[in-house]
Amino acid sequence: MTNRARADFRPYVYAACHLANTASLLLLSNLTNLLAMNSSGLDFLAFARTMFLPWCALLPSNTS
């Protein structure tokens, strides 16, 4: 689509990656969260509690 519109694809790739990562912040389905949880030494529930407020703060910005 960006090629057809002759637009720069980079902002769209960045936005898609940012939205996907933010939406899955509480999930352990992405590598970033697995690495962060492993290096923090927290179990799943402690990690989820730690990430809950940042997830709540970022989620409304992804719905527009």
PDB file of N, CA and C in Angstrom:
ATOM      1  N   MET A   1       0.817  -1.181   0.000  1.00  0.00           N
ATOM      2  CA  MET A   1       0.000   0.000   0.000  1.00  0.00           C
ATOM      3  C   MET A   1       0.870   1.257   0.000  1.00  0.00           C
ATOM      4  N   THR A   2       1.940   1.226   0.779  1.00  0.00           N
ATOM      5  CA  THR A   2       2.791   2.413   0.794  1.00  0.00           C
ATOM      6  C   THR A   2       3.482   2.618  -0.542  1.00  0.00           C
ATOM      7  N   ASN A   3       3.810   1.518  -1.211  1.00  0.00           N
ATOM      8  CA  ASN A   3       4.418   1.658  -2.540  1.00  0.00           C
ATOM      9  C   ASN A   3       3.447   2.286  -3.521  1.00  0.00           C
ATOM     10  N   ARG A   4       2.211   1.817  -3.500  1.00  0.00           N
ATOM     11  CA  ARG A   4       1.206   2.396  -4.397  1.00  0.00           C
ATOM     12  C   ARG A   4       0.952   3.863  -4.101  1.00  0.00           C
ATOM     13  N   ALA A   5       0.959   4.206  -2.816  1.00  0.00           N
ATOM     14  CA  ALA A   5       0.719   5.601  -2.429  1.00  0.00           C
ATOM     15  C   ALA A   5       1.982   6.447  -2.504  1.00  0.00           C
ATOM     16  N   ARG A   6       3.092   5.797  -2.829  1.00  0.00           N
ATOM     17  CA  ARG A   6       4.404   6.471  -2.873  1.00  0.00           C
ATOM     18  C   ARG A   6       4.707   7.185  -1.551  1.00  0.00           C
ATOM     19  N   ALA A   7       4.424   6.449  -0.475  1.00  0.00           N
ATOM     20  CA  ALA A   7       4.653   6.974   0.874  1.00  0.00           C
ATOM     21  C   ALA A   7       5.800   6.198   1.522  1.00  0.00           C
ATOM     22  N   ASP A   8       6.404   6.808   2.509  1.00  0.00           N
ATOM     23  CA  ASP A   8       7.479   6.163   3.249  1.00  0.00           C
ATOM     24  C   ASP A   8       6.877   5.070   4.131  1.00  0.00           C
ATOM     25  N   PHE A   9       7.382   3.860   4.022  1.00  0.00           N
ATOM     26  CA  PHE A   9       6.823   2.730   4.763  1.00  0.00           C
ATOM     27  C   PHE A   9       7.261   2.698   6.226  1.00  0.00           C
ATOM     28  N   ARG A  10       8.355   3.359   6.554  1.00  0.00           N
ATOM     29  CA  ARG A  10       8.928   3.245   7.901  1.00  0.00           C
ATOM     30  C   ARG A  10       7.997   3.667   9.031  1.00  0.00           C
ATOM     31  N   PRO A  11       7.273   4.778   8.945  1.00  0.00           N
ATOM     32  CA  PRO A  11       6.368   5.122  10.058  1.00  0.00           C
ATOM     33  C   PRO A  11       5.284   4.072  10.277  1.00  0.00           C
ATOM     34  N   TYR A  12       4.839   3.448   9.213  1.00  0.00           N
ATOM     35  CA  TYR A  12       3.784   2.444   9.332  1.00  0.00           C
ATOM     36  C   TYR A  12       4.313   1.159   9.952  1.00  0.00           C
ATOM     37  N   VAL A  13       5.515   0.779   9.614  1.00  0.00           N
ATOM     38  CA  VAL A  13       6.135  -0.398  10.218  1.00  0.00           C
ATOM     39  C   VAL A  13       6.374  -0.144  11.696  1.00  0.00           C
ATOM     40  N   TYR A  14       6.878   1.030  12.036  1.00  0.00           N
ATOM     41  CA  TYR A  14       7.103   1.375  13.439  1.00  0.00           C
ATOM     42  C   TYR A  14       5.795   1.349  14.214  1.00  0.00           C
ATOM     43  N   ALA A  15       4.750   1.945  13.678  1.00  0.00           N
ATOM     44  CA  ALA A  15       3.460   1.985  14.371  1.00  0.00           C
ATOM     45  C   ALA A  15       2.902   0.578  14.572  1.00  0.00           C
ATOM     46  N   ALA A  16       2.991  -0.262  13.561  1.00  0.00           N
ATOM     47  CA  ALA A  16       2.478  -1.627  13.678  1.00  0.00           C
ATOM     48  C   ALA A  16       3.241  -2.409  14.744  1.00  0.00           C
ATOM     49  N   CYS A  17       4.553  -2.276  14.779  1.00  0.00           N
ATOM     50  CA  CYS A  17       5.356  -2.970  15.784  1.00  0.00           C
ATOM     51  C   CYS A  17       5.056  -2.443  17.184  1.00  0.00           C
ATOM     52  N   HIS A  18       4.937  -1.135  17.312  1.00  0.00           N
ATOM     53  CA  HIS A  18       4.637  -0.524  18.607  1.00  0.00           C
ATOM     54  C   HIS A  18       3.274  -0.988  19.114  1.00  0.00           C
ATOM     55  N   LEU A  19       2.275  -0.975  18.270  1.00  0.00           N
ATOM     56  CA  LEU A  19       0.941  -1.402  18.684  1.00  0.00           C
ATOM     57  C   LEU A  19       0.925  -2.876  19.073  1.00  0.00           C
ATOM     58  N   ALA A  20       1.583  -3.707  18.305  1.00  0.00           N
ATOM     59  CA  ALA A  20       1.602  -5.132  18.612  1.00  0.00           C
ATOM     60  C   ALA A  20       2.310  -5.396  19.934  1.00  0.00           C
ATOM     61  N   ASN A  21       3.407  -4.734  20.170  1.00  0.00           N
ATOM     62  CA  ASN A  21       4.157  -4.944  21.399  1.00  0.00           C
ATOM     63  C   ASN A  21       3.391  -4.415  22.602  1.00  0.00           C
ATOM     64  N   THR A  22       2.771  -3.250  22.484  1.00  0.00           N
ATOM     65  CA  THR A  22       2.036  -2.673  23.596  1.00  0.00           C
ATOM     66  C   THR A  22       0.805  -3.497  23.931  1.00  0.00           C
ATOM     67  N   ALA A  23       0.081  -3.928  22.930  1.00  0.00           N
ATOM     68  CA  ALA A  23      -1.133  -4.705  23.176  1.00  0.00           C
ATOM     69  C   ALA A  23      -0.825  -6.035  23.841  1.00  0.00           C
ATOM     70  N   SER A  24       0.349  -6.589  23.586  1.00  0.00           N
ATOM     71  CA  SER A  24       0.700  -7.881  24.178  1.00  0.00           C
ATOM     72  C   SER A  24       1.602  -7.722  25.398  1.00  0.00           C
ATOM     73  N   LEU A  25       1.578  -6.561  26.018  1.00  0.00           N
ATOM     74  CA  LEU A  25       2.466  -6.289  27.145  1.00  0.00           C
ATOM     75  C   LEU A  25       2.279  -7.274  28.287  1.00  0.00           C
ATOM     76  N   LEU A  26       1.047  -7.621  28.609  1.00  0.00           N
ATOM     77  CA  LEU A  26       0.810  -8.554  29.710  1.00  0.00           C
ATOM     78  C   LEU A  26       0.959 -10.010  29.296  1.00  0.00           C
ATOM     79  N   LEU A  27       0.919 -10.263  28.030  1.00  0.00           N
ATOM     80  CA  LEU A  27       1.031 -11.639  27.577  1.00  0.00           C
ATOM     81  C   LEU A  27       2.485 -12.071  27.543  1.00  0.00           C
ATOM     82  N   LEU A  28       2.710 -13.346  27.684  1.00  0.00           N
ATOM     83  CA  LEU A  28       4.069 -13.854  27.567  1.00  0.00           C
ATOM     84  C   LEU A  28       4.303 -14.413  26.177  1.00  0.00           C
ATOM     85  N   SER A  29       3.587 -13.886  25.218  1.00  0.00           N
ATOM     86  CA  SER A  29       3.666 -14.432  23.874  1.00  0.00           C
ATOM     87  C   SER A  29       4.741 -13.786  23.024  1.00  0.00           C
ATOM     88  N   ASN A  30       5.381 -12.742  23.513  1.00  0.00           N
ATOM     89  CA  ASN A  30       6.446 -12.158  22.701  1.00  0.00           C
ATOM     90  C   ASN A  30       7.795 -12.298  23.405  1.00  0.00           C
ATOM     91  N   LEU A  31       8.826 -12.341  22.627  1.00  0.00           N
ATOM     92  CA  LEU A  31      10.168 -12.595  23.139  1.00  0.00           C
ATOM     93  C   LEU A  31      10.627 -11.520  24.111  1.00  0.00           C
ATOM     94  N   THR A  32      10.270 -10.278  23.867  1.00  0.00           N
ATOM     95  CA  THR A  32      10.682  -9.195  24.760  1.00  0.00           C
ATOM     96  C   THR A  32      10.182  -9.440  26.176  1.00  0.00           C
ATOM     97  N   ASN A  33       8.920  -9.828  26.304  1.00  0.00           N
ATOM     98  CA  ASN A  33       8.367 -10.084  27.633  1.00  0.00           C
ATOM     99  C   ASN A  33       8.994 -11.307  28.281  1.00  0.00           C
ATOM    100  N   LEU A  34       9.263 -12.344  27.500  1.00  0.00           N
ATOM    101  CA  LEU A  34       9.917 -13.526  28.056  1.00  0.00           C
ATOM    102  C   LEU A  34      11.301 -13.191  28.595  1.00  0.00           C
ATOM    103  N   LEU A  35      12.059 -12.408  27.851  1.00  0.00           N
ATOM    104  CA  LEU A  35      13.398 -12.020  28.297  1.00  0.00           C
ATOM    105  C   LEU A  35      13.335 -11.107  29.512  1.00  0.00           C
ATOM    106  N   ALA A  36      12.394 -10.158  29.511  1.00  0.00           N
ATOM    107  CA  ALA A  36      12.264  -9.245  30.652  1.00  0.00           C
ATOM    108  C   ALA A  36      11.856 -10.001  31.906  1.00  0.00           C
ATOM    109  N   MET A  37      10.912 -10.910  31.787  1.00  0.00           N
ATOM    110  CA  MET A  37      10.472 -11.676  32.948  1.00  0.00           C
ATOM    111  C   MET A  37      11.601 -12.562  33.458  1.00  0.00           C
ATOM    112  N   ASN A  38      12.315 -13.200  32.561  1.00  0.00           N
ATOM    113  CA  ASN A  38      13.406 -14.082  32.959  1.00  0.00           C
ATOM    114  C   ASN A  38      14.519 -13.307  33.660  1.00  0.00           C
ATOM    115  N   SER A  39      14.888 -12.164  33.128  1.00  0.00           N
ATOM    116  CA  SER A  39      15.993 -11.407  33.730  1.00  0.00           C
ATOM    117  C   SER A  39      15.589 -10.698  35.013  1.00  0.00           C
ATOM    118  N   SER A  40      14.288 -10.449  35.205  1.00  0.00           N
ATOM    119  CA  SER A  40      13.838  -9.782  36.431  1.00  0.00           C
ATOM    120  C   SER A  40      13.754 -10.732  37.607  1.00  0.00           C
ATOM    121  N   GLY A  41      13.667 -12.030  37.327  1.00  0.00           N
ATOM    122  CA  GLY A  41      13.549 -12.994  38.406  1.00  0.00           C
ATOM    123  C   GLY A  41      12.142 -13.112  38.966  1.00  0.00           C
ATOM    124  N   LEU A  42      11.174 -12.468  38.315  1.00  0.00           N
ATOM    125  CA  LEU A  42       9.792 -12.517  38.780  1.00  0.00           C
ATOM    126  C   LEU A  42       9.076 -13.723  38.187  1.00  0.00           C
ATOM    127  N   ASP A  43       8.096 -14.247  38.933  1.00  0.00           N
ATOM    128  CA  ASP A  43       7.251 -15.274  38.353  1.00  0.00           C
ATOM    129  C   ASP A  43       6.167 -14.586  37.519  1.00  0.00           C
ATOM    130  N   PHE A  44       5.323 -15.377  36.875  1.00  0.00           N
ATOM    131  CA  PHE A  44       4.337 -14.803  35.958  1.00  0.00           C
ATOM    132  C   PHE A  44       3.417 -13.799  36.639  1.00  0.00           C
ATOM    133  N   LEU A  45       2.860 -14.150  37.803  1.00  0.00           N
ATOM    134  CA  LEU A  45       1.913 -13.248  38.467  1.00  0.00           C
ATOM    135  C   LEU A  45       2.584 -11.954  38.925  1.00  0.00           C
ATOM    136  N   ALA A  46       3.778 -12.046  39.444  1.00  0.00           N
ATOM    137  CA  ALA A  46       4.494 -10.834  39.871  1.00  0.00           C
ATOM    138  C   ALA A  46       4.829  -9.966  38.665  1.00  0.00           C
ATOM    139  N   PHE A  47       5.230 -10.594  37.575  1.00  0.00           N
ATOM    140  CA  PHE A  47       5.529  -9.833  36.356  1.00  0.00           C
ATOM    141  C   PHE A  47       4.262  -9.170  35.819  1.00  0.00           C
ATOM    142  N   ALA A  48       3.139  -9.899  35.811  1.00  0.00           N
ATOM    143  CA  ALA A  48       1.875  -9.345  35.328  1.00  0.00           C
ATOM    144  C   ALA A  48       1.423  -8.172  36.206  1.00  0.00           C
ATOM    145  N   ARG A  49       1.582  -8.294  37.513  1.00  0.00           N
ATOM    146  CA  ARG A  49       1.220  -7.178  38.410  1.00  0.00           C
ATOM    147  C   ARG A  49       2.102  -5.958  38.128  1.00  0.00           C
ATOM    148  N   THR A  50       3.389  -6.196  37.901  1.00  0.00           N
ATOM    149  CA  THR A  50       4.317  -5.099  37.622  1.00  0.00           C
ATOM    150  C   THR A  50       3.977  -4.387  36.321  1.00  0.00           C
ATOM    151  N   MET A  51       3.546  -5.130  35.322  1.00  0.00           N
ATOM    152  CA  MET A  51       3.283  -4.556  34.007  1.00  0.00           C
ATOM    153  C   MET A  51       1.849  -4.074  33.814  1.00  0.00           C
ATOM    154  N   PHE A  52       0.966  -4.330  34.783  1.00  0.00           N
ATOM    155  CA  PHE A  52      -0.442  -3.998  34.612  1.00  0.00           C
ATOM    156  C   PHE A  52      -0.681  -2.492  34.441  1.00  0.00           C
ATOM    157  N   LEU A  53      -0.112  -1.673  35.298  1.00  0.00           N
ATOM    158  CA  LEU A  53      -0.333  -0.219  35.184  1.00  0.00           C
ATOM    159  C   LEU A  53       0.253   0.371  33.906  1.00  0.00           C
ATOM    160  N   PRO A  54       1.481   0.013  33.499  1.00  0.00           N
ATOM    161  CA  PRO A  54       1.960   0.518  32.210  1.00  0.00           C
ATOM    162  C   PRO A  54       1.065   0.077  31.050  1.00  0.00           C
ATOM    163  N   TRP A  55       0.562  -1.161  31.120  1.00  0.00           N
ATOM    164  CA  TRP A  55      -0.335  -1.656  30.062  1.00  0.00           C
ATOM    165  C   TRP A  55      -1.612  -0.828  30.024  1.00  0.00           C
ATOM    166  N   CYS A  56      -2.179  -0.540  31.190  1.00  0.00           N
ATOM    167  CA  CYS A  56      -3.400   0.282  31.258  1.00  0.00           C
ATOM    168  C   CYS A  56      -3.154   1.688  30.730  1.00  0.00           C
ATOM    169  N   ALA A  57      -1.983   2.214  30.984  1.00  0.00           N
ATOM    170  CA  ALA A  57      -1.674   3.572  30.522  1.00  0.00           C
ATOM    171  C   ALA A  57      -1.486   3.613  29.011  1.00  0.00           C
ATOM    172  N   LEU A  58      -0.943   2.563  28.423  1.00  0.00           N
ATOM    173  CA  LEU A  58      -0.659   2.569  26.999  1.00  0.00           C
ATOM    174  C   LEU A  58      -1.812   2.091  26.135  1.00  0.00           C
ATOM    175  N   LEU A  59      -2.674   1.249  26.677  1.00  0.00           N
ATOM    176  CA  LEU A  59      -3.736   0.671  25.885  1.00  0.00           C
ATOM    177  C   LEU A  59      -4.687   1.715  25.288  1.00  0.00           C
ATOM    178  N   PRO A  60      -5.129   2.722  26.029  1.00  0.00           N
ATOM    179  CA  PRO A  60      -6.028   3.721  25.396  1.00  0.00           C
ATOM    180  C   PRO A  60      -5.391   4.455  24.224  1.00  0.00           C
ATOM    181  N   SER A  61      -4.090   4.615  24.236  1.00  0.00           N
ATOM    182  CA  SER A  61      -3.446   5.316  23.112  1.00  0.00           C
ATOM    183  C   SER A  61      -3.421   4.458  21.866  1.00  0.00           C
ATOM    184  N   ASN A  62      -3.645   3.164  21.999  1.00  0.00           N
ATOM    185  CA  ASN A  62      -3.635   2.257  20.847  1.00  0.00           C
ATOM    186  C   ASN A  62      -5.010   2.046  20.237  1.00  0.00           C
ATOM    187  N   THR A  63      -6.045   2.571  20.847  1.00  0.00           N
ATOM    188  CA  THR A  63      -7.389   2.314  20.349  1.00  0.00           C
ATOM    189  C   THR A  63      -7.863   3.376  19.365  1.00  0.00           C
ATOM    190  N   SER A  64      -7.106   4.422  19.192  1.00  0.00           N
ATOM    191  CA  SER A  64      -7.549   5.481  18.274  1.00  0.00           C
ATOM    192  C   SER A  64      -7.117   5.213  16.854  1.00  0.00           C
TER     193      SER A  64
END
